[in-house]
Amino acid sequence: TGSLNSSFADVAGKRCLIVDDVITSGNTIKEAVEIIRSHNGTPVAVCVLFDKLGEKEVNAGGVKVPIYSLVRVSRID
């Protein structure tokens, strides 16, 4: 549960890879997709270490971005 900072390098016209440690609900990733698109970038994929969401892609505002994970888990204790 972190925060997403939208002050980053210029992504206009660039293909962007979103990298995170864990995806649980997908809300942070959806927000990242929306921020990248609002800065005229193109999110092409999401890479995470641990996938607790269990989906193959995230849908943010009609944009589907594939999710690639190292480990897919149903529960982390």
PDB file of N, CA and C in Angstrom:
ATOM      1  N   THR A   1       0.851  -1.185   0.000  1.00  0.00           N
ATOM      2  CA  THR A   1       0.000   0.000   0.000  1.00  0.00           C
ATOM      3  C   THR A   1       0.884   1.232   0.000  1.00  0.00           C
ATOM      4  N   GLY A   2       1.267   1.623  -1.160  1.00  0.00           N
ATOM      5  CA  GLY A   2       2.096   2.804  -1.313  1.00  0.00           C
ATOM      6  C   GLY A   2       1.323   3.874  -2.022  1.00  0.00           C
ATOM      7  N   SER A   3       2.055   4.853  -2.479  1.00  0.00           N
ATOM      8  CA  SER A   3       1.410   5.915  -3.247  1.00  0.00           C
ATOM      9  C   SER A   3       2.080   5.983  -4.609  1.00  0.00           C
ATOM     10  N   LEU A   4       1.350   6.495  -5.558  1.00  0.00           N
ATOM     11  CA  LEU A   4       1.852   6.599  -6.919  1.00  0.00           C
ATOM     12  C   LEU A   4       2.171   8.051  -7.197  1.00  0.00           C
ATOM     13  N   ASN A   5       3.406   8.313  -7.587  1.00  0.00           N
ATOM     14  CA  ASN A   5       3.850   9.665  -7.879  1.00  0.00           C
ATOM     15  C   ASN A   5       3.851   9.844  -9.389  1.00  0.00           C
ATOM     16  N   SER A   6       3.161  10.858  -9.859  1.00  0.00           N
ATOM     17  CA  SER A   6       3.061  11.052 -11.309  1.00  0.00           C
ATOM     18  C   SER A   6       4.122  11.995 -11.868  1.00  0.00           C
ATOM     19  N   SER A   7       5.107  12.369 -11.069  1.00  0.00           N
ATOM     20  CA  SER A   7       6.184  13.213 -11.596  1.00  0.00           C
ATOM     21  C   SER A   7       7.362  12.308 -11.977  1.00  0.00           C
ATOM     22  N   PHE A   8       7.444  12.007 -13.269  1.00  0.00           N
ATOM     23  CA  PHE A   8       8.476  11.123 -13.782  1.00  0.00           C
ATOM     24  C   PHE A   8       8.942  11.647 -15.129  1.00  0.00           C
ATOM     25  N   ALA A   9       9.869  10.951 -15.749  1.00  0.00           N
ATOM     26  CA  ALA A   9      10.417  11.382 -17.038  1.00  0.00           C
ATOM     27  C   ALA A   9       9.313  11.507 -18.086  1.00  0.00           C
ATOM     28  N   ASP A  10       9.580  12.286 -19.104  1.00  0.00           N
ATOM     29  CA  ASP A  10       8.618  12.491 -20.187  1.00  0.00           C
ATOM     30  C   ASP A  10       8.363  11.172 -20.909  1.00  0.00           C
ATOM     31  N   VAL A  11       7.100  10.766 -20.969  1.00  0.00           N
ATOM     32  CA  VAL A  11       6.744   9.507 -21.620  1.00  0.00           C
ATOM     33  C   VAL A  11       5.983   9.714 -22.922  1.00  0.00           C
ATOM     34  N   ALA A  12       5.775  10.953 -23.312  1.00  0.00           N
ATOM     35  CA  ALA A  12       5.004  11.242 -24.532  1.00  0.00           C
ATOM     36  C   ALA A  12       5.612  10.528 -25.733  1.00  0.00           C
ATOM     37  N   GLY A  13       4.782   9.760 -26.429  1.00  0.00           N
ATOM     38  CA  GLY A  13       5.223   9.052 -27.621  1.00  0.00           C
ATOM     39  C   GLY A  13       6.059   7.817 -27.354  1.00  0.00           C
ATOM     40  N   LYS A  14       6.187   7.430 -26.079  1.00  0.00           N
ATOM     41  CA  LYS A  14       7.029   6.277 -25.741  1.00  0.00           C
ATOM     42  C   LYS A  14       6.187   5.089 -25.290  1.00  0.00           C
ATOM     43  N   ARG A  15       6.742   3.903 -25.511  1.00  0.00           N
ATOM     44  CA  ARG A  15       6.130   2.668 -25.019  1.00  0.00           C
ATOM     45  C   ARG A  15       6.649   2.440 -23.605  1.00  0.00           C
ATOM     46  N   CYS A  16       5.745   2.198 -22.658  1.00  0.00           N
ATOM     47  CA  CYS A  16       6.116   2.143 -21.246  1.00  0.00           C
ATOM     48  C   CYS A  16       5.835   0.773 -20.635  1.00  0.00           C
ATOM     49  N   LEU A  17       6.780   0.294 -19.853  1.00  0.00           N
ATOM     50  CA  LEU A  17       6.646  -0.935 -19.095  1.00  0.00           C
ATOM     51  C   LEU A  17       6.418  -0.550 -17.640  1.00  0.00           C
ATOM     52  N   ILE A  18       5.356  -1.058 -17.039  1.00  0.00           N
ATOM     53  CA  ILE A  18       5.046  -0.782 -15.638  1.00  0.00           C
ATOM     54  C   ILE A  18       5.595  -1.937 -14.812  1.00  0.00           C
ATOM     55  N   VAL A  19       6.416  -1.627 -13.794  1.00  0.00           N
ATOM     56  CA  VAL A  19       7.040  -2.642 -12.951  1.00  0.00           C
ATOM     57  C   VAL A  19       6.626  -2.395 -11.508  1.00  0.00           C
ATOM     58  N   ASP A  20       6.198  -3.461 -10.826  1.00  0.00           N
ATOM     59  CA  ASP A  20       5.788  -3.351  -9.423  1.00  0.00           C
ATOM     60  C   ASP A  20       6.165  -4.642  -8.710  1.00  0.00           C
ATOM     61  N   ASP A  21       6.159  -4.598  -7.381  1.00  0.00           N
ATOM     62  CA  ASP A  21       6.506  -5.801  -6.637  1.00  0.00           C
ATOM     63  C   ASP A  21       5.332  -6.765  -6.527  1.00  0.00           C
ATOM     64  N   VAL A  22       4.140  -6.251  -6.165  1.00  0.00           N
ATOM     65  CA  VAL A  22       2.968  -7.099  -5.960  1.00  0.00           C
ATOM     66  C   VAL A  22       1.753  -6.449  -6.602  1.00  0.00           C
ATOM     67  N   ILE A  23       0.917  -7.245  -7.249  1.00  0.00           N
ATOM     68  CA  ILE A  23      -0.377  -6.764  -7.722  1.00  0.00           C
ATOM     69  C   ILE A  23      -1.445  -7.560  -6.971  1.00  0.00           C
ATOM     70  N   THR A  24      -2.322  -6.824  -6.271  1.00  0.00           N
ATOM     71  CA  THR A  24      -3.367  -7.467  -5.481  1.00  0.00           C
ATOM     72  C   THR A  24      -4.744  -7.158  -6.058  1.00  0.00           C
ATOM     73  N   SER A  25      -5.116  -5.893  -6.047  1.00  0.00           N
ATOM     74  CA  SER A  25      -6.429  -5.505  -6.584  1.00  0.00           C
ATOM     75  C   SER A  25      -6.323  -4.970  -8.008  1.00  0.00           C
ATOM     76  N   GLY A  26      -5.144  -4.498  -8.371  1.00  0.00           N
ATOM     77  CA  GLY A  26      -4.936  -3.911  -9.690  1.00  0.00           C
ATOM     78  C   GLY A  26      -5.172  -2.415  -9.737  1.00  0.00           C
ATOM     79  N   ASN A  27      -5.617  -1.821  -8.629  1.00  0.00           N
ATOM     80  CA  ASN A  27      -5.942  -0.393  -8.628  1.00  0.00           C
ATOM     81  C   ASN A  27      -4.731   0.496  -8.889  1.00  0.00           C
ATOM     82  N   THR A  28      -3.587   0.190  -8.284  1.00  0.00           N
ATOM     83  CA  THR A  28      -2.387   1.004  -8.501  1.00  0.00           C
ATOM     84  C   THR A  28      -1.935   0.903  -9.952  1.00  0.00           C
ATOM     85  N   ILE A  29      -1.997  -0.299 -10.511  1.00  0.00           N
ATOM     86  CA  ILE A  29      -1.609  -0.493 -11.908  1.00  0.00           C
ATOM     87  C   ILE A  29      -2.554   0.261 -12.832  1.00  0.00           C
ATOM     88  N   LYS A  30      -3.853   0.199 -12.559  1.00  0.00           N
ATOM     89  CA  LYS A  30      -4.830   0.941 -13.369  1.00  0.00           C
ATOM     90  C   LYS A  30      -4.541   2.433 -13.318  1.00  0.00           C
ATOM     91  N   GLU A  31      -4.203   2.929 -12.129  1.00  0.00           N
ATOM     92  CA  GLU A  31      -3.867   4.345 -11.985  1.00  0.00           C
ATOM     93  C   GLU A  31      -2.614   4.683 -12.791  1.00  0.00           C
ATOM     94  N   ALA A  32      -1.615   3.802 -12.761  1.00  0.00           N
ATOM     95  CA  ALA A  32      -0.385   4.024 -13.527  1.00  0.00           C
ATOM     96  C   ALA A  32      -0.681   4.062 -15.022  1.00  0.00           C
ATOM     97  N   VAL A  33      -1.532   3.158 -15.499  1.00  0.00           N
ATOM     98  CA  VAL A  33      -1.920   3.144 -16.915  1.00  0.00           C
ATOM     99  C   VAL A  33      -2.580   4.466 -17.288  1.00  0.00           C
ATOM    100  N   GLU A  34      -3.495   4.924 -16.448  1.00  0.00           N
ATOM    101  CA  GLU A  34      -4.205   6.174 -16.729  1.00  0.00           C
ATOM    102  C   GLU A  34      -3.262   7.377 -16.735  1.00  0.00           C
ATOM    103  N   ILE A  35      -2.305   7.407 -15.804  1.00  0.00           N
ATOM    104  CA  ILE A  35      -1.340   8.514 -15.749  1.00  0.00           C
ATOM    105  C   ILE A  35      -0.453   8.503 -16.991  1.00  0.00           C
ATOM    106  N   ILE A  36       0.043   7.333 -17.366  1.00  0.00           N
ATOM    107  CA  ILE A  36       0.891   7.232 -18.559  1.00  0.00           C
ATOM    108  C   ILE A  36       0.128   7.702 -19.788  1.00  0.00           C
ATOM    109  N   ARG A  37      -1.113   7.252 -19.938  1.00  0.00           N
ATOM    110  CA  ARG A  37      -1.925   7.664 -21.091  1.00  0.00           C
ATOM    111  C   ARG A  37      -2.225   9.162 -21.058  1.00  0.00           C
ATOM    112  N   SER A  38      -2.435   9.730 -19.867  1.00  0.00           N
ATOM    113  CA  SER A  38      -2.706  11.169 -19.772  1.00  0.00           C
ATOM    114  C   SER A  38      -1.489  12.002 -20.149  1.00  0.00           C
ATOM    115  N   HIS A  39      -0.289  11.372 -20.101  1.00  0.00           N
ATOM    116  CA  HIS A  39       0.950  12.032 -20.520  1.00  0.00           C
ATOM    117  C   HIS A  39       1.352  11.593 -21.931  1.00  0.00           C
ATOM    118  N   ASN A  40       0.391  11.023 -22.686  1.00  0.00           N
ATOM    119  CA  ASN A  40       0.582  10.612 -24.086  1.00  0.00           C
ATOM    120  C   ASN A  40       1.600   9.495 -24.286  1.00  0.00           C
ATOM    121  N   GLY A  41       1.738   8.643 -23.260  1.00  0.00           N
ATOM    122  CA  GLY A  41       2.565   7.451 -23.390  1.00  0.00           C
ATOM    123  C   GLY A  41       1.688   6.246 -23.670  1.00  0.00           C
ATOM    124  N   THR A  42       2.314   5.135 -24.037  1.00  0.00           N
ATOM    125  CA  THR A  42       1.588   3.902 -24.333  1.00  0.00           C
ATOM    126  C   THR A  42       2.043   2.797 -23.386  1.00  0.00           C
ATOM    127  N   PRO A  43       1.212   2.424 -22.415  1.00  0.00           N
ATOM    128  CA  PRO A  43       1.572   1.305 -21.538  1.00  0.00           C
ATOM    129  C   PRO A  43       1.468  -0.010 -22.316  1.00  0.00           C
ATOM    130  N   VAL A  44       2.560  -0.774 -22.366  1.00  0.00           N
ATOM    131  CA  VAL A  44       2.572  -1.994 -23.181  1.00  0.00           C
ATOM    132  C   VAL A  44       2.487  -3.273 -22.354  1.00  0.00           C
ATOM    133  N   ALA A  45       2.925  -3.235 -21.096  1.00  0.00           N
ATOM    134  CA  ALA A  45       2.875  -4.432 -20.254  1.00  0.00           C
ATOM    135  C   ALA A  45       3.103  -4.055 -18.800  1.00  0.00           C
ATOM    136  N   VAL A  46       2.679  -4.968 -17.933  1.00  0.00           N
ATOM    137  CA  VAL A  46       2.910  -4.854 -16.496  1.00  0.00           C
ATOM    138  C   VAL A  46       3.744  -6.059 -16.085  1.00  0.00           C
ATOM    139  N   CYS A  47       4.842  -5.820 -15.359  1.00  0.00           N
ATOM    140  CA  CYS A  47       5.674  -6.900 -14.833  1.00  0.00           C
ATOM    141  C   CYS A  47       5.692  -6.796 -13.314  1.00  0.00           C
ATOM    142  N   VAL A  48       5.350  -7.891 -12.646  1.00  0.00           N
ATOM    143  CA  VAL A  48       5.336  -7.915 -11.187  1.00  0.00           C
ATOM    144  C   VAL A  48       6.061  -9.166 -10.695  1.00  0.00           C
ATOM    145  N   LEU A  49       6.573  -9.085  -9.465  1.00  0.00           N
ATOM    146  CA  LEU A  49       7.163 -10.273  -8.853  1.00  0.00           C
ATOM    147  C   LEU A  49       6.071 -11.244  -8.434  1.00  0.00           C
ATOM    148  N   PHE A  50       5.086 -10.730  -7.663  1.00  0.00           N
ATOM    149  CA  PHE A  50       4.018 -11.563  -7.124  1.00  0.00           C
ATOM    150  C   PHE A  50       2.665 -11.088  -7.628  1.00  0.00           C
ATOM    151  N   ASP A  51       1.912 -12.003  -8.195  1.00  0.00           N
ATOM    152  CA  ASP A  51       0.578 -11.707  -8.712  1.00  0.00           C
ATOM    153  C   ASP A  51      -0.463 -12.360  -7.817  1.00  0.00           C
ATOM    154  N   LYS A  52      -1.175 -11.535  -7.037  1.00  0.00           N
ATOM    155  CA  LYS A  52      -2.265 -12.033  -6.198  1.00  0.00           C
ATOM    156  C   LYS A  52      -3.613 -11.781  -6.859  1.00  0.00           C
ATOM    157  N   LEU A  53      -3.627 -11.056  -7.974  1.00  0.00           N
ATOM    158  CA  LEU A  53      -4.863 -10.731  -8.681  1.00  0.00           C
ATOM    159  C   LEU A  53      -5.355 -11.923  -9.499  1.00  0.00           C
ATOM    160  N   GLY A  54      -4.434 -12.619 -10.147  1.00  0.00           N
ATOM    161  CA  GLY A  54      -4.782 -13.808 -10.912  1.00  0.00           C
ATOM    162  C   GLY A  54      -5.398 -13.540 -12.271  1.00  0.00           C
ATOM    163  N   GLU A  55      -5.180 -12.362 -12.814  1.00  0.00           N
ATOM    164  CA  GLU A  55      -5.706 -12.019 -14.137  1.00  0.00           C
ATOM    165  C   GLU A  55      -4.558 -11.970 -15.144  1.00  0.00           C
ATOM    166  N   LYS A  56      -4.871 -12.169 -16.420  1.00  0.00           N
ATOM    167  CA  LYS A  56      -3.855 -12.112 -17.471  1.00  0.00           C
ATOM    168  C   LYS A  56      -3.619 -10.702 -17.976  1.00  0.00           C
ATOM    169  N   GLU A  57      -4.574  -9.807 -17.688  1.00  0.00           N
ATOM    170  CA  GLU A  57      -4.430  -8.418 -18.126  1.00  0.00           C
ATOM    171  C   GLU A  57      -5.212  -7.516 -17.187  1.00  0.00           C
ATOM    172  N   VAL A  58      -4.852  -6.241 -17.220  1.00  0.00           N
ATOM    173  CA  VAL A  58      -5.582  -5.234 -16.463  1.00  0.00           C
ATOM    174  C   VAL A  58      -6.296  -4.349 -17.473  1.00  0.00           C
ATOM    175  N   ASN A  59      -7.530  -3.994 -17.161  1.00  0.00           N
ATOM    176  CA  ASN A  59      -8.330  -3.146 -18.041  1.00  0.00           C
ATOM    177  C   ASN A  59      -8.506  -1.800 -17.354  1.00  0.00           C
ATOM    178  N   ALA A  60      -7.899  -0.778 -17.910  1.00  0.00           N
ATOM    179  CA  ALA A  60      -7.975   0.569 -17.336  1.00  0.00           C
ATOM    180  C   ALA A  60      -8.565   1.507 -18.365  1.00  0.00           C
ATOM    181  N   GLY A  61      -9.799   1.885 -18.161  1.00  0.00           N
ATOM    182  CA  GLY A  61     -10.453   2.819 -19.073  1.00  0.00           C
ATOM    183  C   GLY A  61     -10.558   2.296 -20.488  1.00  0.00           C
ATOM    184  N   GLY A  62     -10.790   0.999 -20.638  1.00  0.00           N
ATOM    185  CA  GLY A  62     -10.912   0.410 -21.966  1.00  0.00           C
ATOM    186  C   GLY A  62      -9.597  -0.008 -22.589  1.00  0.00           C
ATOM    187  N   VAL A  63      -8.491   0.260 -21.899  1.00  0.00           N
ATOM    188  CA  VAL A  63      -7.169  -0.138 -22.389  1.00  0.00           C
ATOM    189  C   VAL A  63      -6.756  -1.414 -21.663  1.00  0.00           C
ATOM    190  N   LYS A  64      -6.515  -2.472 -22.421  1.00  0.00           N
ATOM    191  CA  LYS A  64      -6.094  -3.742 -21.834  1.00  0.00           C
ATOM    192  C   LYS A  64      -4.578  -3.869 -21.928  1.00  0.00           C
ATOM    193  N   VAL A  65      -3.946  -4.081 -20.759  1.00  0.00           N
ATOM    194  CA  VAL A  65      -2.491  -4.196 -20.689  1.00  0.00           C
ATOM    195  C   VAL A  65      -2.163  -5.566 -20.088  1.00  0.00           C
ATOM    196  N   PRO A  66      -1.339  -6.376 -20.761  1.00  0.00           N
ATOM    197  CA  PRO A  66      -1.022  -7.709 -20.240  1.00  0.00           C
ATOM    198  C   PRO A  66      -0.184  -7.655 -18.965  1.00  0.00           C
ATOM    199  N   ILE A  67      -0.416  -8.641 -18.092  1.00  0.00           N
ATOM    200  CA  ILE A  67       0.320  -8.757 -16.836  1.00  0.00           C
ATOM    201  C   ILE A  67       1.239  -9.972 -16.928  1.00  0.00           C
ATOM    202  N   TYR A  68       2.524  -9.777 -16.620  1.00  0.00           N
ATOM    203  CA  TYR A  68       3.497 -10.859 -16.557  1.00  0.00           C
ATOM    204  C   TYR A  68       4.034 -10.915 -15.136  1.00  0.00           C
ATOM    205  N   SER A  69       4.064 -12.114 -14.546  1.00  0.00           N
ATOM    206  CA  SER A  69       4.519 -12.231 -13.164  1.00  0.00           C
ATOM    207  C   SER A  69       5.537 -13.352 -13.026  1.00  0.00           C
ATOM    208  N   LEU A  70       6.381 -13.210 -12.018  1.00  0.00           N
ATOM    209  CA  LEU A  70       7.343 -14.257 -11.702  1.00  0.00           C
ATOM    210  C   LEU A  70       6.646 -15.377 -10.929  1.00  0.00           C
ATOM    211  N   VAL A  71       5.762 -14.987  -9.977  1.00  0.00           N
ATOM    212  CA  VAL A  71       5.049 -15.948  -9.140  1.00  0.00           C
ATOM    213  C   VAL A  71       3.591 -15.539  -9.046  1.00  0.00           C
ATOM    214  N   ARG A  72       2.689 -16.471  -9.308  1.00  0.00           N
ATOM    215  CA  ARG A  72       1.254 -16.226  -9.118  1.00  0.00           C
ATOM    216  C   ARG A  72       0.843 -16.954  -7.843  1.00  0.00           C
ATOM    217  N   VAL A  73       0.301 -16.206  -6.879  1.00  0.00           N
ATOM    218  CA  VAL A  73      -0.068 -16.783  -5.587  1.00  0.00           C
ATOM    219  C   VAL A  73      -1.524 -16.472  -5.265  1.00  0.00           C
ATOM    220  N   SER A  74      -2.120 -17.338  -4.455  1.00  0.00           N
ATOM    221  CA  SER A  74      -3.489 -17.078  -4.031  1.00  0.00           C
ATOM    222  C   SER A  74      -3.522 -16.435  -2.660  1.00  0.00           C
ATOM    223  N   ARG A  75      -2.432 -16.590  -1.886  1.00  0.00           N
ATOM    224  CA  ARG A  75      -2.400 -15.992  -0.558  1.00  0.00           C
ATOM    225  C   ARG A  75      -0.957 -15.892  -0.073  1.00  0.00           C
ATOM    226  N   ILE A  76      -0.632 -14.750   0.533  1.00  0.00           N
ATOM    227  CA  ILE A  76       0.677 -14.569   1.167  1.00  0.00           C
ATOM    228  C   ILE A  76       0.424 -14.329   2.643  1.00  0.00           C
ATOM    229  N   ASP A  77       0.984 -15.164   3.501  1.00  0.00           N
ATOM    230  CA  ASP A  77       0.817 -14.989   4.955  1.00  0.00           C
ATOM    231  C   ASP A  77       1.958 -14.198   5.532  1.00  0.00           C
TER     232      ASP A  77
END
